[in-house]
């Protein structure tokens, strides 16, 4: 194998280690290479046992095999957090604790039908559930979502799309906790 090919694979493996759960197009964007070239090297990394693929609805997502302590549940949440609209909805639910479809539509600027589609995906994935009164939605495990966001941040190409709510999330993490 050429040094260039090995350097390309090392770069992609390091990107996956830093940002687990990205799909080939985002990894190619981060690495500054074509989607085809990234896809070729990612397939070889999977064949060599250096990376693992996980199929999400439309994409193959990549993870390292040696990520200590990452469970399948963690991987599932990370995959959701790598999608800008889903990340935005989950950040809003972290911030507000619960929200109706209309509240989420207003906060995101998306139509109610688009929000409903994304929320249905989050519910189906087990990340979001109906509130007890059935009138809104809440995160199924807010602590898990917060932990995943703090441990494996999305790249700026994703967080820039939800900059306002992302900034509020990080500002809230830096504030001292009040005793209750």
Protein backbone atom coordinates (compact mmCIF):
# COMPACT_ATOMS: atom_id res chain seq x y z
CA UNK A 1 0.00 0.00 0.00
CA UNK A 2 1.27 3.46 -0.84
CA UNK A 3 2.12 6.00 1.84
CA UNK A 4 -0.55 8.30 0.43
CA UNK A 5 -3.25 5.61 0.74
CA UNK A 6 -2.18 4.82 4.31
CA UNK A 7 -2.17 8.53 5.22
CA UNK A 8 -5.67 8.88 3.73
CA UNK A 9 -6.96 5.94 5.77
CA UNK A 10 -5.29 7.21 8.92
CA UNK A 11 -6.93 10.61 8.40
CA UNK A 12 -10.37 9.06 7.93
CA UNK A 13 -9.91 6.75 10.93
CA UNK A 14 -8.90 9.74 13.09
CA UNK A 15 -11.95 11.71 11.91
CA UNK A 16 -14.19 8.77 12.84
CA UNK A 17 -12.48 8.56 16.24
CA UNK A 18 -13.07 12.29 16.79
CA UNK A 19 -16.59 12.39 15.32
CA UNK A 20 -18.14 8.91 15.51
CA UNK A 21 -21.33 8.37 13.59
CA UNK A 22 -20.62 10.55 10.57
CA UNK A 23 -21.60 9.36 7.11
CA UNK A 24 -19.29 9.21 4.11
CA UNK A 25 -20.28 12.59 2.66
CA UNK A 26 -19.58 14.43 5.91
CA UNK A 27 -16.31 12.52 6.42
CA UNK A 28 -15.28 13.45 2.87
CA UNK A 29 -16.13 17.10 3.59
CA UNK A 30 -14.10 17.05 6.81
CA UNK A 31 -11.14 15.37 5.06
CA UNK A 32 -11.27 17.64 1.99
CA UNK A 33 -11.63 14.78 -0.48
CA UNK A 34 -14.26 13.45 -2.86
CA UNK A 35 -17.09 11.30 -1.58
CA UNK A 36 -15.95 8.50 -3.88
CA UNK A 37 -12.38 8.53 -2.56
CA UNK A 38 -13.56 8.64 1.06
CA UNK A 39 -16.03 5.82 0.41
CA UNK A 40 -13.33 3.65 -1.15
CA UNK A 41 -10.97 4.07 1.81
CA UNK A 42 -13.76 3.69 4.38
CA UNK A 43 -14.77 0.36 2.81
CA UNK A 44 -11.16 -0.82 3.09
CA UNK A 45 -10.96 0.33 6.71
CA UNK A 46 -14.10 -1.70 7.47
CA UNK A 47 -12.67 -4.74 5.63
CA UNK A 48 -9.42 -4.38 7.59
CA UNK A 49 -11.38 -4.34 10.86
CA UNK A 50 -10.37 -0.81 11.80
CA UNK A 51 -13.88 0.67 11.51
CA UNK A 52 -17.47 -0.49 11.89
CA UNK A 53 -20.41 0.50 9.69
CA UNK A 54 -23.88 1.09 11.06
CA UNK A 55 -26.75 1.61 8.64
CA UNK A 56 -29.08 4.48 9.38
CA UNK A 57 -32.17 5.07 7.25
CA UNK A 58 -30.29 6.63 4.33
CA UNK A 59 -26.61 6.41 5.23
CA UNK A 60 -23.84 4.19 6.41
CA UNK A 61 -22.40 5.67 9.60
CA UNK A 62 -18.88 4.90 10.81
CA UNK A 63 -17.53 4.09 14.25
CA UNK A 64 -14.21 2.85 15.59
CA UNK A 65 -14.13 -0.61 17.07
CA UNK A 66 -12.04 0.44 20.04
CA UNK A 67 -14.24 3.21 21.46
CA UNK A 68 -14.20 2.32 25.14
CA UNK A 69 -17.56 2.22 26.82
CA UNK A 70 -19.69 3.08 23.79
CA UNK A 71 -22.84 0.97 23.82
CA UNK A 72 -25.25 0.33 20.96
CA UNK A 73 -27.65 2.75 22.66
CA UNK A 74 -24.88 5.38 22.63
CA UNK A 75 -24.26 4.75 18.93
CA UNK A 76 -27.96 5.14 18.20
CA UNK A 77 -28.10 8.51 19.95
CA UNK A 78 -24.90 9.67 18.25
CA UNK A 79 -26.35 8.83 14.83
CA UNK A 80 -29.37 11.02 15.63
CA UNK A 81 -27.16 13.86 16.89
CA UNK A 82 -25.23 13.88 13.60
CA UNK A 83 -28.32 15.07 11.72
CA UNK A 84 -28.85 18.85 11.97
CA UNK A 85 -32.67 18.88 12.27
CA UNK A 86 -32.69 16.04 14.79
CA UNK A 87 -29.83 17.65 16.74
CA UNK A 88 -31.77 20.91 16.81
CA UNK A 89 -34.94 19.25 18.10
CA UNK A 90 -33.04 17.30 20.76
CA UNK A 91 -31.19 20.42 21.92
CA UNK A 92 -34.49 22.30 22.20
CA UNK A 93 -35.97 19.44 24.23
CA UNK A 94 -32.89 19.46 26.48
CA UNK A 95 -33.40 23.17 27.01
CA UNK A 96 -37.18 23.21 27.45
CA UNK A 97 -37.65 19.75 29.04
CA UNK A 98 -40.87 19.25 26.99
CA UNK A 99 -42.52 20.86 24.00
CA UNK A 100 -45.49 20.43 21.71
CA UNK A 101 -45.16 19.93 17.96
CA UNK A 102 -46.20 23.57 17.51
CA UNK A 103 -43.59 24.78 20.02
CA UNK A 104 -40.88 22.83 18.20
CA UNK A 105 -42.03 24.18 14.82
CA UNK A 106 -41.89 27.73 16.14
CA UNK A 107 -38.47 27.24 17.74
CA UNK A 108 -36.92 25.66 14.62
CA UNK A 109 -38.67 27.60 11.88
CA UNK A 110 -39.72 24.30 10.29
CA UNK A 111 -43.27 23.50 9.29
CA UNK A 112 -45.37 21.47 11.72
CA UNK A 113 -45.49 18.58 9.25
CA UNK A 114 -41.69 18.55 8.93
CA UNK A 115 -41.30 18.65 12.71
CA UNK A 116 -43.86 15.86 13.01
CA UNK A 117 -41.84 13.74 10.56
CA UNK A 118 -38.59 14.30 12.50
CA UNK A 119 -40.22 13.76 15.89
CA UNK A 120 -41.71 10.48 14.63
CA UNK A 121 -38.20 9.38 13.67
CA UNK A 122 -36.89 10.32 17.13
CA UNK A 123 -39.79 8.49 18.81
CA UNK A 124 -39.19 5.44 16.63
CA UNK A 125 -35.52 5.48 17.61
CA UNK A 126 -36.47 5.62 21.29
CA UNK A 127 -34.82 9.01 21.88
CA UNK A 128 -38.05 10.97 22.38
CA UNK A 129 -41.32 10.01 24.03
CA UNK A 130 -44.71 11.58 24.62
CA UNK A 131 -45.11 13.51 27.84
CA UNK A 132 -47.28 11.98 30.55
CA UNK A 133 -50.24 14.15 29.60
CA UNK A 134 -49.77 13.17 25.94
CA UNK A 135 -49.74 16.78 24.77
CA UNK A 136 -46.06 17.12 23.95
CA UNK A 137 -42.70 15.43 23.68
CA UNK A 138 -39.67 15.01 25.90
CA UNK A 139 -36.33 13.25 25.65
CA UNK A 140 -36.49 9.67 26.85
CA UNK A 141 -33.09 9.99 28.54
CA UNK A 142 -31.87 13.61 28.70
CA UNK A 143 -28.77 12.64 30.70
CA UNK A 144 -27.67 10.24 27.96
CA UNK A 145 -28.16 12.88 25.26
CA UNK A 146 -26.23 15.48 27.28
CA UNK A 147 -23.42 12.98 27.94
CA UNK A 148 -23.17 12.08 24.24
CA UNK A 149 -23.07 15.74 23.23
CA UNK A 150 -20.34 16.55 25.72
CA UNK A 151 -18.24 13.45 24.96
CA UNK A 152 -18.57 13.36 21.16
CA UNK A 153 -19.37 16.81 19.84
CA UNK A 154 -20.69 17.07 16.29
CA UNK A 155 -18.33 18.81 13.84
CA UNK A 156 -18.86 22.53 13.23
CA UNK A 157 -20.31 21.82 9.78
CA UNK A 158 -23.30 20.41 11.69
CA UNK A 159 -23.38 22.69 14.75
CA UNK A 160 -23.13 25.81 12.57
CA UNK A 161 -26.57 24.92 11.19
CA UNK A 162 -28.04 25.13 14.71
CA UNK A 163 -25.66 27.73 16.13
CA UNK A 164 -28.10 29.57 18.42
CA UNK A 165 -29.41 26.57 20.32
CA UNK A 166 -25.95 24.90 20.27
CA UNK A 167 -24.45 28.02 21.86
CA UNK A 168 -27.10 28.06 24.57
CA UNK A 169 -26.47 24.37 25.29
CA UNK A 170 -22.75 24.93 25.80
CA UNK A 171 -23.27 28.10 27.81
CA UNK A 172 -25.60 26.17 30.14
CA UNK A 173 -22.92 23.49 30.65
CA UNK A 174 -20.42 26.09 31.86
CA UNK A 175 -22.75 27.69 34.41
CA UNK A 176 -22.25 26.54 37.99
CA UNK A 177 -25.02 24.20 39.12
CA UNK A 178 -27.30 25.58 41.83
CA UNK A 179 -28.04 23.44 44.85
CA UNK A 180 -31.69 22.37 44.89
